[in-house]
Amino acid sequence: MYLFIEYPKCSTCRKAKKFLDDNNIKYTDRNIVTDNPTKEELKKFLEVSGKDIKTFFNTSGNLYKELHLKDKLPNMTLDEKLELLSTDGMLVKRPLLVGETIVLTGFKEDIWKEVIING
């Protein structure tokens, strides 16, 4: 069972959800705006994913741009970045698919197919 964290109005999230449904993948759905991941959750997701923290930021989002995070992030500590991500779901790259040993950020069908189905 996976945790699927999404923004329901996001077309990419809807595509990812359709992919999960079409492939009979069981998941629990969570709205990133009303139930944003906590700092502790984000830290765990980061550790499980093995990725750089930057992959968890929604770099194409308006809030990211309004806060000038492209310039600010390089000077922030990991703890500060996790704290910032936990303040607003619109800063977090979505969708997020979280399993015991995997965390996928964003939706690229070929990658999801490889990791989830062919895994």
PDB file of N, CA and C in Angstrom:
ATOM      1  N   MET A   1       0.847  -1.186   0.000  1.00  0.00           N
ATOM      2  CA  MET A   1       0.000   0.000   0.000  1.00  0.00           C
ATOM      3  C   MET A   1       0.889   1.244   0.000  1.00  0.00           C
ATOM      4  N   TYR A   2       0.558   2.169  -0.872  1.00  0.00           N
ATOM      5  CA  TYR A   2       1.317   3.409  -1.010  1.00  0.00           C
ATOM      6  C   TYR A   2       0.536   4.580  -0.434  1.00  0.00           C
ATOM      7  N   LEU A   3       1.249   5.655  -0.140  1.00  0.00           N
ATOM      8  CA  LEU A   3       0.641   6.928   0.205  1.00  0.00           C
ATOM      9  C   LEU A   3       0.813   7.808  -1.023  1.00  0.00           C
ATOM     10  N   PHE A   4      -0.299   8.297  -1.552  1.00  0.00           N
ATOM     11  CA  PHE A   4      -0.295   9.147  -2.740  1.00  0.00           C
ATOM     12  C   PHE A   4      -0.668  10.553  -2.289  1.00  0.00           C
ATOM     13  N   ILE A   5       0.310  11.452  -2.334  1.00  0.00           N
ATOM     14  CA  ILE A   5       0.096  12.833  -1.898  1.00  0.00           C
ATOM     15  C   ILE A   5      -0.023  13.690  -3.143  1.00  0.00           C
ATOM     16  N   GLU A   6      -1.166  14.364  -3.259  1.00  0.00           N
ATOM     17  CA  GLU A   6      -1.468  15.082  -4.495  1.00  0.00           C
ATOM     18  C   GLU A   6      -2.159  16.406  -4.240  1.00  0.00           C
ATOM     19  N   TYR A   7      -2.197  17.210  -5.288  1.00  0.00           N
ATOM     20  CA  TYR A   7      -3.019  18.406  -5.342  1.00  0.00           C
ATOM     21  C   TYR A   7      -4.102  18.077  -6.360  1.00  0.00           C
ATOM     22  N   PRO A   8      -5.349  17.887  -5.926  1.00  0.00           N
ATOM     23  CA  PRO A   8      -6.400  17.398  -6.822  1.00  0.00           C
ATOM     24  C   PRO A   8      -6.616  18.211  -8.099  1.00  0.00           C
ATOM     25  N   LYS A   9      -6.298  19.493  -8.088  1.00  0.00           N
ATOM     26  CA  LYS A   9      -6.495  20.325  -9.280  1.00  0.00           C
ATOM     27  C   LYS A   9      -5.343  20.191 -10.285  1.00  0.00           C
ATOM     28  N   CYS A  10      -4.290  19.509  -9.904  1.00  0.00           N
ATOM     29  CA  CYS A  10      -3.095  19.364 -10.737  1.00  0.00           C
ATOM     30  C   CYS A  10      -3.316  18.278 -11.798  1.00  0.00           C
ATOM     31  N   SER A  11      -3.117  18.622 -13.066  1.00  0.00           N
ATOM     32  CA  SER A  11      -3.339  17.659 -14.156  1.00  0.00           C
ATOM     33  C   SER A  11      -2.330  16.507 -14.092  1.00  0.00           C
ATOM     34  N   THR A  12      -1.110  16.788 -13.687  1.00  0.00           N
ATOM     35  CA  THR A  12      -0.104  15.725 -13.563  1.00  0.00           C
ATOM     36  C   THR A  12      -0.499  14.744 -12.459  1.00  0.00           C
ATOM     37  N   CYS A  13      -1.038  15.273 -11.377  1.00  0.00           N
ATOM     38  CA  CYS A  13      -1.500  14.409 -10.281  1.00  0.00           C
ATOM     39  C   CYS A  13      -2.645  13.519 -10.756  1.00  0.00           C
ATOM     40  N   ARG A  14      -3.535  14.086 -11.554  1.00  0.00           N
ATOM     41  CA  ARG A  14      -4.667  13.292 -12.077  1.00  0.00           C
ATOM     42  C   ARG A  14      -4.164  12.180 -12.998  1.00  0.00           C
ATOM     43  N   LYS A  15      -3.151  12.466 -13.801  1.00  0.00           N
ATOM     44  CA  LYS A  15      -2.556  11.439 -14.671  1.00  0.00           C
ATOM     45  C   LYS A  15      -1.927  10.328 -13.839  1.00  0.00           C
ATOM     46  N   ALA A  16      -1.229  10.720 -12.778  1.00  0.00           N
ATOM     47  CA  ALA A  16      -0.588   9.735 -11.899  1.00  0.00           C
ATOM     48  C   ALA A  16      -1.635   8.861 -11.216  1.00  0.00           C
ATOM     49  N   LYS A  17      -2.714   9.470 -10.770  1.00  0.00           N
ATOM     50  CA  LYS A  17      -3.785   8.725 -10.103  1.00  0.00           C
ATOM     51  C   LYS A  17      -4.421   7.735 -11.079  1.00  0.00           C
ATOM     52  N   LYS A  18      -4.626   8.174 -12.310  1.00  0.00           N
ATOM     53  CA  LYS A  18      -5.183   7.286 -13.341  1.00  0.00           C
ATOM     54  C   LYS A  18      -4.237   6.113 -13.584  1.00  0.00           C
ATOM     55  N   PHE A  19      -2.938   6.388 -13.620  1.00  0.00           N
ATOM     56  CA  PHE A  19      -1.946   5.331 -13.794  1.00  0.00           C
ATOM     57  C   PHE A  19      -2.060   4.304 -12.666  1.00  0.00           C
ATOM     58  N   LEU A  20      -2.146   4.782 -11.441  1.00  0.00           N
ATOM     59  CA  LEU A  20      -2.266   3.877 -10.289  1.00  0.00           C
ATOM     60  C   LEU A  20      -3.550   3.051 -10.381  1.00  0.00           C
ATOM     61  N   ASP A  21      -4.647   3.718 -10.702  1.00  0.00           N
ATOM     62  CA  ASP A  21      -5.932   3.020 -10.806  1.00  0.00           C
ATOM     63  C   ASP A  21      -5.926   2.002 -11.946  1.00  0.00           C
ATOM     64  N   ASP A  22      -5.402   2.415 -13.103  1.00  0.00           N
ATOM     65  CA  ASP A  22      -5.358   1.521 -14.275  1.00  0.00           C
ATOM     66  C   ASP A  22      -4.510   0.283 -14.024  1.00  0.00           C
ATOM     67  N   ASN A  23      -3.532   0.407 -13.138  1.00  0.00           N
ATOM     68  CA  ASN A  23      -2.629  -0.707 -12.846  1.00  0.00           C
ATOM     69  C   ASN A  23      -2.959  -1.408 -11.523  1.00  0.00           C
ATOM     70  N   ASN A  24      -4.142  -1.103 -10.997  1.00  0.00           N
ATOM     71  CA  ASN A  24      -4.628  -1.725  -9.760  1.00  0.00           C
ATOM     72  C   ASN A  24      -3.634  -1.618  -8.606  1.00  0.00           C
ATOM     73  N   ILE A  25      -3.001  -0.461  -8.495  1.00  0.00           N
ATOM     74  CA  ILE A  25      -2.061  -0.191  -7.406  1.00  0.00           C
ATOM     75  C   ILE A  25      -2.869   0.383  -6.244  1.00  0.00           C
ATOM     76  N   LYS A  26      -2.749  -0.204  -5.094  1.00  0.00           N
ATOM     77  CA  LYS A  26      -3.501   0.264  -3.928  1.00  0.00           C
ATOM     78  C   LYS A  26      -2.758   1.418  -3.250  1.00  0.00           C
ATOM     79  N   TYR A  27      -3.517   2.441  -2.889  1.00  0.00           N
ATOM     80  CA  TYR A  27      -2.928   3.618  -2.267  1.00  0.00           C
ATOM     81  C   TYR A  27      -3.939   4.325  -1.380  1.00  0.00           C
ATOM     82  N   THR A  28      -3.410   5.127  -0.486  1.00  0.00           N
ATOM     83  CA  THR A  28      -4.207   6.044   0.316  1.00  0.00           C
ATOM     84  C   THR A  28      -3.965   7.427  -0.250  1.00  0.00           C
ATOM     85  N   ASP A  29      -5.029   8.138  -0.501  1.00  0.00           N
ATOM     86  CA  ASP A  29      -4.962   9.461  -1.120  1.00  0.00           C
ATOM     87  C   ASP A  29      -4.892  10.549  -0.049  1.00  0.00           C
ATOM     88  N   ARG A  30      -4.064  11.562  -0.302  1.00  0.00           N
ATOM     89  CA  ARG A  30      -3.925  12.666   0.658  1.00  0.00           C
ATOM     90  C   ARG A  30      -3.746  13.976  -0.103  1.00  0.00           C
ATOM     91  N   ASN A  31      -4.529  14.976   0.266  1.00  0.00           N
ATOM     92  CA  ASN A  31      -4.474  16.292  -0.359  1.00  0.00           C
ATOM     93  C   ASN A  31      -3.327  17.092   0.253  1.00  0.00           C
ATOM     94  N   ILE A  32      -2.399  17.502  -0.578  1.00  0.00           N
ATOM     95  CA  ILE A  32      -1.188  18.181  -0.105  1.00  0.00           C
ATOM     96  C   ILE A  32      -1.468  19.580   0.449  1.00  0.00           C
ATOM     97  N   VAL A  33      -2.588  20.171   0.053  1.00  0.00           N
ATOM     98  CA  VAL A  33      -2.922  21.509   0.533  1.00  0.00           C
ATOM     99  C   VAL A  33      -3.546  21.443   1.920  1.00  0.00           C
ATOM    100  N   THR A  34      -4.465  20.514   2.125  1.00  0.00           N
ATOM    101  CA  THR A  34      -5.148  20.427   3.412  1.00  0.00           C
ATOM    102  C   THR A  34      -4.390  19.571   4.419  1.00  0.00           C
ATOM    103  N   ASP A  35      -3.458  18.739   3.939  1.00  0.00           N
ATOM    104  CA  ASP A  35      -2.699  17.855   4.826  1.00  0.00           C
ATOM    105  C   ASP A  35      -1.250  17.757   4.323  1.00  0.00           C
ATOM    106  N   ASN A  36      -0.564  18.886   4.410  1.00  0.00           N
ATOM    107  CA  ASN A  36       0.819  18.977   3.934  1.00  0.00           C
ATOM    108  C   ASN A  36       1.737  18.060   4.757  1.00  0.00           C
ATOM    109  N   PRO A  37       2.722  17.444   4.112  1.00  0.00           N
ATOM    110  CA  PRO A  37       3.673  16.629   4.877  1.00  0.00           C
ATOM    111  C   PRO A  37       4.374  17.458   5.951  1.00  0.00           C
ATOM    112  N   THR A  38       4.570  16.842   7.096  1.00  0.00           N
ATOM    113  CA  THR A  38       5.269  17.505   8.199  1.00  0.00           C
ATOM    114  C   THR A  38       6.775  17.488   7.928  1.00  0.00           C
ATOM    115  N   LYS A  39       7.486  18.249   8.709  1.00  0.00           N
ATOM    116  CA  LYS A  39       8.940  18.284   8.605  1.00  0.00           C
ATOM    117  C   LYS A  39       9.515  16.882   8.831  1.00  0.00           C
ATOM    118  N   GLU A  40       8.979  16.171   9.819  1.00  0.00           N
ATOM    119  CA  GLU A  40       9.467  14.818  10.129  1.00  0.00           C
ATOM    120  C   GLU A  40       9.185  13.856   8.971  1.00  0.00           C
ATOM    121  N   GLU A  41       7.990  13.957   8.390  1.00  0.00           N
ATOM    122  CA  GLU A  41       7.660  13.115   7.238  1.00  0.00           C
ATOM    123  C   GLU A  41       8.588  13.412   6.066  1.00  0.00           C
ATOM    124  N   LEU A  42       8.785  14.683   5.791  1.00  0.00           N
ATOM    125  CA  LEU A  42       9.647  15.081   4.680  1.00  0.00           C
ATOM    126  C   LEU A  42      11.074  14.582   4.877  1.00  0.00           C
ATOM    127  N   LYS A  43      11.550  14.643   6.107  1.00  0.00           N
ATOM    128  CA  LYS A  43      12.896  14.147   6.403  1.00  0.00           C
ATOM    129  C   LYS A  43      12.979  12.650   6.110  1.00  0.00           C
ATOM    130  N   LYS A  44      11.953  11.910   6.517  1.00  0.00           N
ATOM    131  CA  LYS A  44      11.918  10.470   6.258  1.00  0.00           C
ATOM    132  C   LYS A  44      11.828  10.198   4.745  1.00  0.00           C
ATOM    133  N   PHE A  45      10.965  10.943   4.048  1.00  0.00           N
ATOM    134  CA  PHE A  45      10.827  10.770   2.589  1.00  0.00           C
ATOM    135  C   PHE A  45      12.175  11.010   1.907  1.00  0.00           C
ATOM    136  N   LEU A  46      12.869  12.038   2.348  1.00  0.00           N
ATOM    137  CA  LEU A  46      14.176  12.377   1.778  1.00  0.00           C
ATOM    138  C   LEU A  46      15.167  11.243   1.990  1.00  0.00           C
ATOM    139  N   GLU A  47      15.202  10.709   3.200  1.00  0.00           N
ATOM    140  CA  GLU A  47      16.126   9.607   3.520  1.00  0.00           C
ATOM    141  C   GLU A  47      15.812   8.363   2.700  1.00  0.00           C
ATOM    142  N   VAL A  48      14.534   8.012   2.593  1.00  0.00           N
ATOM    143  CA  VAL A  48      14.135   6.819   1.839  1.00  0.00           C
ATOM    144  C   VAL A  48      14.441   6.996   0.349  1.00  0.00           C
ATOM    145  N   SER A  49      14.214   8.193  -0.173  1.00  0.00           N
ATOM    146  CA  SER A  49      14.403   8.430  -1.611  1.00  0.00           C
ATOM    147  C   SER A  49      15.873   8.424  -2.023  1.00  0.00           C
ATOM    148  N   GLY A  50      16.746   8.884  -1.121  1.00  0.00           N
ATOM    149  CA  GLY A  50      18.153   9.008  -1.468  1.00  0.00           C
ATOM    150  C   GLY A  50      18.429  10.162  -2.430  1.00  0.00           C
ATOM    151  N   LYS A  51      17.439  11.029  -2.625  1.00  0.00           N
ATOM    152  CA  LYS A  51      17.571  12.150  -3.559  1.00  0.00           C
ATOM    153  C   LYS A  51      18.013  13.417  -2.838  1.00  0.00           C
ATOM    154  N   ASP A  52      18.366  14.396  -3.629  1.00  0.00           N
ATOM    155  CA  ASP A  52      18.696  15.716  -3.113  1.00  0.00           C
ATOM    156  C   ASP A  52      17.396  16.408  -2.698  1.00  0.00           C
ATOM    157  N   ILE A  53      17.455  17.213  -1.667  1.00  0.00           N
ATOM    158  CA  ILE A  53      16.281  17.929  -1.168  1.00  0.00           C
ATOM    159  C   ILE A  53      15.637  18.792  -2.257  1.00  0.00           C
ATOM    160  N   LYS A  54      16.430  19.272  -3.197  1.00  0.00           N
ATOM    161  CA  LYS A  54      15.903  20.139  -4.259  1.00  0.00           C
ATOM    162  C   LYS A  54      14.811  19.435  -5.068  1.00  0.00           C
ATOM    163  N   THR A  55      14.889  18.098  -5.180  1.00  0.00           N
ATOM    164  CA  THR A  55      13.873  17.375  -5.960  1.00  0.00           C
ATOM    165  C   THR A  55      12.513  17.396  -5.273  1.00  0.00           C
ATOM    166  N   PHE A  56      12.460  17.826  -4.030  1.00  0.00           N
ATOM    167  CA  PHE A  56      11.190  17.902  -3.312  1.00  0.00           C
ATOM    168  C   PHE A  56      10.530  19.272  -3.442  1.00  0.00           C
ATOM    169  N   PHE A  57      11.221  20.225  -4.052  1.00  0.00           N
ATOM    170  CA  PHE A  57      10.654  21.559  -4.237  1.00  0.00           C
ATOM    171  C   PHE A  57       9.943  21.660  -5.580  1.00  0.00           C
ATOM    172  N   ASN A  58       8.774  22.288  -5.567  1.00  0.00           N
ATOM    173  CA  ASN A  58       8.011  22.558  -6.787  1.00  0.00           C
ATOM    174  C   ASN A  58       8.592  23.813  -7.428  1.00  0.00           C
ATOM    175  N   THR A  59       9.663  23.628  -8.181  1.00  0.00           N
ATOM    176  CA  THR A  59      10.414  24.764  -8.733  1.00  0.00           C
ATOM    177  C   THR A  59       9.650  25.531  -9.813  1.00  0.00           C
ATOM    178  N   SER A  60       8.583  24.950 -10.329  1.00  0.00           N
ATOM    179  CA  SER A  60       7.800  25.663 -11.340  1.00  0.00           C
ATOM    180  C   SER A  60       6.588  26.369 -10.731  1.00  0.00           C
ATOM    181  N   GLY A  61       6.409  26.236  -9.421  1.00  0.00           N
ATOM    182  CA  GLY A  61       5.253  26.847  -8.761  1.00  0.00           C
ATOM    183  C   GLY A  61       5.410  28.336  -8.525  1.00  0.00           C
ATOM    184  N   ASN A  62       4.273  29.011  -8.462  1.00  0.00           N
ATOM    185  CA  ASN A  62       4.274  30.460  -8.246  1.00  0.00           C
ATOM    186  C   ASN A  62       4.889  30.841  -6.908  1.00  0.00           C
ATOM    187  N   LEU A  63       4.575  30.090  -5.867  1.00  0.00           N
ATOM    188  CA  LEU A  63       5.090  30.420  -4.540  1.00  0.00           C
ATOM    189  C   LEU A  63       6.618  30.311  -4.497  1.00  0.00           C
ATOM    190  N   TYR A  64       7.157  29.286  -5.137  1.00  0.00           N
ATOM    191  CA  TYR A  64       8.607  29.109  -5.220  1.00  0.00           C
ATOM    192  C   TYR A  64       9.245  30.356  -5.846  1.00  0.00           C
ATOM    193  N   LYS A  65       8.624  30.838  -6.910  1.00  0.00           N
ATOM    194  CA  LYS A  65       9.144  32.019  -7.621  1.00  0.00           C
ATOM    195  C   LYS A  65       8.955  33.289  -6.806  1.00  0.00           C
ATOM    196  N   GLU A  66       7.772  33.432  -6.184  1.00  0.00           N
ATOM    197  CA  GLU A  66       7.490  34.632  -5.381  1.00  0.00           C
ATOM    198  C   GLU A  66       8.463  34.776  -4.212  1.00  0.00           C
ATOM    199  N   LEU A  67       8.859  33.650  -3.643  1.00  0.00           N
ATOM    200  CA  LEU A  67       9.773  33.670  -2.497  1.00  0.00           C
ATOM    201  C   LEU A  67      11.244  33.719  -2.911  1.00  0.00           C
ATOM    202  N   HIS A  68      11.494  33.743  -4.228  1.00  0.00           N
ATOM    203  CA  HIS A  68      12.857  33.801  -4.781  1.00  0.00           C
ATOM    204  C   HIS A  68      13.728  32.672  -4.241  1.00  0.00           C
ATOM    205  N   LEU A  69      13.143  31.473  -4.183  1.00  0.00           N
ATOM    206  CA  LEU A  69      13.854  30.355  -3.574  1.00  0.00           C
ATOM    207  C   LEU A  69      15.036  29.861  -4.396  1.00  0.00           C
ATOM    208  N   LYS A  70      15.007  30.130  -5.684  1.00  0.00           N
ATOM    209  CA  LYS A  70      16.151  29.741  -6.521  1.00  0.00           C
ATOM    210  C   LYS A  70      17.431  30.368  -5.967  1.00  0.00           C
ATOM    211  N   ASP A  71      17.319  31.582  -5.504  1.00  0.00           N
ATOM    212  CA  ASP A  71      18.475  32.296  -4.961  1.00  0.00           C
ATOM    213  C   ASP A  71      18.720  31.990  -3.481  1.00  0.00           C
ATOM    214  N   LYS A  72      17.659  31.709  -2.739  1.00  0.00           N
ATOM    215  CA  LYS A  72      17.775  31.524  -1.295  1.00  0.00           C
ATOM    216  C   LYS A  72      18.189  30.106  -0.882  1.00  0.00           C
ATOM    217  N   LEU A  73      17.715  29.089  -1.608  1.00  0.00           N
ATOM    218  CA  LEU A  73      17.969  27.704  -1.195  1.00  0.00           C
ATOM    219  C   LEU A  73      19.442  27.349  -1.033  1.00  0.00           C
ATOM    220  N   PRO A  74      20.320  27.796  -1.933  1.00  0.00           N
ATOM    221  CA  PRO A  74      21.733  27.415  -1.776  1.00  0.00           C
ATOM    222  C   PRO A  74      22.350  27.854  -0.450  1.00  0.00           C
ATOM    223  N   ASN A  75      21.787  28.879   0.178  1.00  0.00           N
ATOM    224  CA  ASN A  75      22.329  29.395   1.432  1.00  0.00           C
ATOM    225  C   ASN A  75      21.603  28.872   2.671  1.00  0.00           C
ATOM    226  N   MET A  76      20.637  27.983   2.457  1.00  0.00           N
ATOM    227  CA  MET A  76      19.857  27.455   3.570  1.00  0.00           C
ATOM    228  C   MET A  76      20.387  26.090   4.003  1.00  0.00           C
ATOM    229  N   THR A  77      20.226  25.784   5.275  1.00  0.00           N
ATOM    230  CA  THR A  77      20.614  24.462   5.775  1.00  0.00           C
ATOM    231  C   THR A  77      19.523  23.454   5.391  1.00  0.00           C
ATOM    232  N   LEU A  78      19.846  22.188   5.490  1.00  0.00           N
ATOM    233  CA  LEU A  78      18.862  21.144   5.220  1.00  0.00           C
ATOM    234  C   LEU A  78      17.662  21.300   6.152  1.00  0.00           C
ATOM    235  N   ASP A  79      17.923  21.564   7.404  1.00  0.00           N
ATOM    236  CA  ASP A  79      16.850  21.728   8.376  1.00  0.00           C
ATOM    237  C   ASP A  79      15.930  22.895   7.998  1.00  0.00           C
ATOM    238  N   GLU A  80      16.508  23.988   7.561  1.00  0.00           N
ATOM    239  CA  GLU A  80      15.717  25.154   7.135  1.00  0.00           C
ATOM    240  C   GLU A  80      14.877  24.818   5.901  1.00  0.00           C
ATOM    241  N   LYS A  81      15.433  24.056   4.980  1.00  0.00           N
ATOM    242  CA  LYS A  81      14.692  23.666   3.772  1.00  0.00           C
ATOM    243  C   LYS A  81      13.519  22.761   4.124  1.00  0.00           C
ATOM    244  N   LEU A  82      13.746  21.807   5.016  1.00  0.00           N
ATOM    245  CA  LEU A  82      12.668  20.914   5.445  1.00  0.00           C
ATOM    246  C   LEU A  82      11.570  21.698   6.164  1.00  0.00           C
ATOM    247  N   GLU A  83      11.978  22.621   6.999  1.00  0.00           N
ATOM    248  CA  GLU A  83      11.017  23.473   7.713  1.00  0.00           C
ATOM    249  C   GLU A  83      10.178  24.272   6.716  1.00  0.00           C
ATOM    250  N   LEU A  84      10.818  24.857   5.732  1.00  0.00           N
ATOM    251  CA  LEU A  84      10.124  25.647   4.720  1.00  0.00           C
ATOM    252  C   LEU A  84       9.131  24.779   3.933  1.00  0.00           C
ATOM    253  N   LEU A  85       9.565  23.615   3.490  1.00  0.00           N
ATOM    254  CA  LEU A  85       8.682  22.715   2.750  1.00  0.00           C
ATOM    255  C   LEU A  85       7.448  22.328   3.562  1.00  0.00           C
ATOM    256  N   SER A  86       7.614  22.205   4.856  1.00  0.00           N
ATOM    257  CA  SER A  86       6.503  21.779   5.704  1.00  0.00           C
ATOM    258  C   SER A  86       5.483  22.888   5.954  1.00  0.00           C
ATOM    259  N   THR A  87       5.792  24.111   5.543  1.00  0.00           N
ATOM    260  CA  THR A  87       4.893  25.236   5.813  1.00  0.00           C
ATOM    261  C   THR A  87       3.780  25.377   4.785  1.00  0.00           C
ATOM    262  N   ASP A  88       3.981  24.871   3.569  1.00  0.00           N
ATOM    263  CA  ASP A  88       2.978  25.065   2.512  1.00  0.00           C
ATOM    264  C   ASP A  88       3.102  23.964   1.465  1.00  0.00           C
ATOM    265  N   GLY A  89       2.019  23.221   1.263  1.00  0.00           N
ATOM    266  CA  GLY A  89       2.017  22.131   0.289  1.00  0.00           C
ATOM    267  C   GLY A  89       2.308  22.576  -1.125  1.00  0.00           C
ATOM    268  N   MET A  90       2.063  23.845  -1.435  1.00  0.00           N
ATOM    269  CA  MET A  90       2.302  24.332  -2.790  1.00  0.00           C
ATOM    270  C   MET A  90       3.804  24.448  -3.090  1.00  0.00           C
ATOM    271  N   LEU A  91       4.636  24.351  -2.078  1.00  0.00           N
ATOM    272  CA  LEU A  91       6.089  24.365  -2.297  1.00  0.00           C
ATOM    273  C   LEU A  91       6.631  22.976  -2.641  1.00  0.00           C
ATOM    274  N   VAL A  92       5.829  21.951  -2.366  1.00  0.00           N
ATOM    275  CA  VAL A  92       6.298  20.569  -2.504  1.00  0.00           C
ATOM    276  C   VAL A  92       6.005  20.035  -3.902  1.00  0.00           C
ATOM    277  N   LYS A  93       7.004  19.420  -4.501  1.00  0.00           N
ATOM    278  CA  LYS A  93       6.849  18.769  -5.807  1.00  0.00           C
ATOM    279  C   LYS A  93       5.800  17.677  -5.680  1.00  0.00           C
ATOM    280  N   ARG A  94       4.896  17.633  -6.608  1.00  0.00           N
ATOM    281  CA  ARG A  94       3.830  16.659  -6.548  1.00  0.00           C
ATOM    282  C   ARG A  94       3.566  16.043  -7.904  1.00  0.00           C
ATOM    283  N   PRO A  95       2.942  14.905  -7.920  1.00  0.00           N
ATOM    284  CA  PRO A  95       2.543  14.125  -6.761  1.00  0.00           C
ATOM    285  C   PRO A  95       3.746  13.461  -6.093  1.00  0.00           C
ATOM    286  N   LEU A  96       3.517  13.007  -4.879  1.00  0.00           N
ATOM    287  CA  LEU A  96       4.497  12.201  -4.145  1.00  0.00           C
ATOM    288  C   LEU A  96       3.879  10.817  -3.981  1.00  0.00           C
ATOM    289  N   LEU A  97       4.648   9.804  -4.302  1.00  0.00           N
ATOM    290  CA  LEU A  97       4.212   8.441  -4.051  1.00  0.00           C
ATOM    291  C   LEU A  97       5.195   7.842  -3.062  1.00  0.00           C
ATOM    292  N   VAL A  98       4.669   7.446  -1.910  1.00  0.00           N
ATOM    293  CA  VAL A  98       5.520   6.992  -0.822  1.00  0.00           C
ATOM    294  C   VAL A  98       5.206   5.542  -0.486  1.00  0.00           C
ATOM    295  N   GLY A  99       6.255   4.728  -0.514  1.00  0.00           N
ATOM    296  CA  GLY A  99       6.159   3.339  -0.090  1.00  0.00           C
ATOM    297  C   GLY A  99       7.190   3.090   0.998  1.00  0.00           C
ATOM    298  N   GLU A 100       7.273   1.853   1.459  1.00  0.00           N
ATOM    299  CA  GLU A 100       8.240   1.546   2.524  1.00  0.00           C
ATOM    300  C   GLU A 100       9.671   1.809   2.101  1.00  0.00           C
ATOM    301  N   THR A 101       9.990   1.494   0.842  1.00  0.00           N
ATOM    302  CA  THR A 101      11.381   1.613   0.387  1.00  0.00           C
ATOM    303  C   THR A 101      11.553   2.555  -0.799  1.00  0.00           C
ATOM    304  N   ILE A 102      10.462   3.225  -1.215  1.00  0.00           N
ATOM    305  CA  ILE A 102      10.575   4.167  -2.339  1.00  0.00           C
ATOM    306  C   ILE A 102       9.799   5.444  -2.075  1.00  0.00           C
ATOM    307  N   VAL A 103      10.289   6.516  -2.654  1.00  0.00           N
ATOM    308  CA  VAL A 103       9.572   7.780  -2.693  1.00  0.00           C
ATOM    309  C   VAL A 103       9.802   8.354  -4.079  1.00  0.00           C
ATOM    310  N   LEU A 104       8.703   8.588  -4.791  1.00  0.00           N
ATOM    311  CA  LEU A 104       8.788   9.167  -6.128  1.00  0.00           C
ATOM    312  C   LEU A 104       8.209  10.574  -6.081  1.00  0.00           C
ATOM    313  N   THR A 105       8.937  11.542  -6.663  1.00  0.00           N
ATOM    314  CA  THR A 105       8.467  12.920  -6.725  1.00  0.00           C
ATOM    315  C   THR A 105       8.138  13.252  -8.171  1.00  0.00           C
ATOM    316  N   GLY A 106       6.988  13.875  -8.384  1.00  0.00           N
ATOM    317  CA  GLY A 106       6.554  14.166  -9.740  1.00  0.00           C
ATOM    318  C   GLY A 106       6.091  12.883 -10.413  1.00  0.00           C
ATOM    319  N   PHE A 107       5.510  13.007 -11.598  1.00  0.00           N
ATOM    320  CA  PHE A 107       5.032  11.823 -12.305  1.00  0.00           C
ATOM    321  C   PHE A 107       5.667  11.732 -13.683  1.00  0.00           C
ATOM    322  N   LYS A 108       6.443  10.677 -13.857  1.00  0.00           N
ATOM    323  CA  LYS A 108       6.970  10.299 -15.164  1.00  0.00           C
ATOM    324  C   LYS A 108       6.575   8.839 -15.317  1.00  0.00           C
ATOM    325  N   GLU A 109       5.624   8.571 -16.227  1.00  0.00           N
ATOM    326  CA  GLU A 109       5.034   7.248 -16.322  1.00  0.00           C
ATOM    327  C   GLU A 109       6.065   6.142 -16.484  1.00  0.00           C
ATOM    328  N   ASP A 110       7.075   6.358 -17.320  1.00  0.00           N
ATOM    329  CA  ASP A 110       8.072   5.304 -17.536  1.00  0.00           C
ATOM    330  C   ASP A 110       8.830   4.969 -16.249  1.00  0.00           C
ATOM    331  N   ILE A 111       9.144   5.969 -15.446  1.00  0.00           N
ATOM    332  CA  ILE A 111       9.842   5.737 -14.189  1.00  0.00           C
ATOM    333  C   ILE A 111       8.926   5.031 -13.188  1.00  0.00           C
ATOM    334  N   TRP A 112       7.695   5.476 -13.087  1.00  0.00           N
ATOM    335  CA  TRP A 112       6.749   4.839 -12.161  1.00  0.00           C
ATOM    336  C   TRP A 112       6.521   3.378 -12.556  1.00  0.00           C
ATOM    337  N   LYS A 113       6.398   3.139 -13.863  1.00  0.00           N
ATOM    338  CA  LYS A 113       6.182   1.772 -14.340  1.00  0.00           C
ATOM    339  C   LYS A 113       7.368   0.888 -13.969  1.00  0.00           C
ATOM    340  N   GLU A 114       8.566   1.405 -14.186  1.00  0.00           N
ATOM    341  CA  GLU A 114       9.790   0.653 -13.889  1.00  0.00           C
ATOM    342  C   GLU A 114       9.903   0.336 -12.390  1.00  0.00           C
ATOM    343  N   VAL A 115       9.656   1.346 -11.563  1.00  0.00           N
ATOM    344  CA  VAL A 115       9.827   1.188 -10.116  1.00  0.00           C
ATOM    345  C   VAL A 115       8.686   0.396  -9.474  1.00  0.00           C
ATOM    346  N   ILE A 116       7.464   0.711  -9.841  1.00  0.00           N
ATOM    347  CA  ILE A 116       6.310   0.113  -9.164  1.00  0.00           C
ATOM    348  C   ILE A 116       5.893  -1.231  -9.757  1.00  0.00           C
ATOM    349  N   ILE A 117       5.822  -1.291 -11.066  1.00  0.00           N
ATOM    350  CA  ILE A 117       5.295  -2.505 -11.712  1.00  0.00           C
ATOM    351  C   ILE A 117       6.412  -3.513 -11.998  1.00  0.00           C
ATOM    352  N   ASN A 118       7.505  -3.036 -12.582  1.00  0.00           N
ATOM    353  CA  ASN A 118       8.594  -3.942 -12.947  1.00  0.00           C
ATOM    354  C   ASN A 118       9.559  -4.182 -11.787  1.00  0.00           C
ATOM    355  N   GLY A 119       9.548  -3.209 -10.823  1.00  0.00           N
ATOM    356  CA  GLY A 119      10.393  -3.183  -9.643  1.00  0.00           C
ATOM    357  C   GLY A 119      11.124  -4.401  -9.364  1.00  0.00           C
TER     358      GLY A 119
END
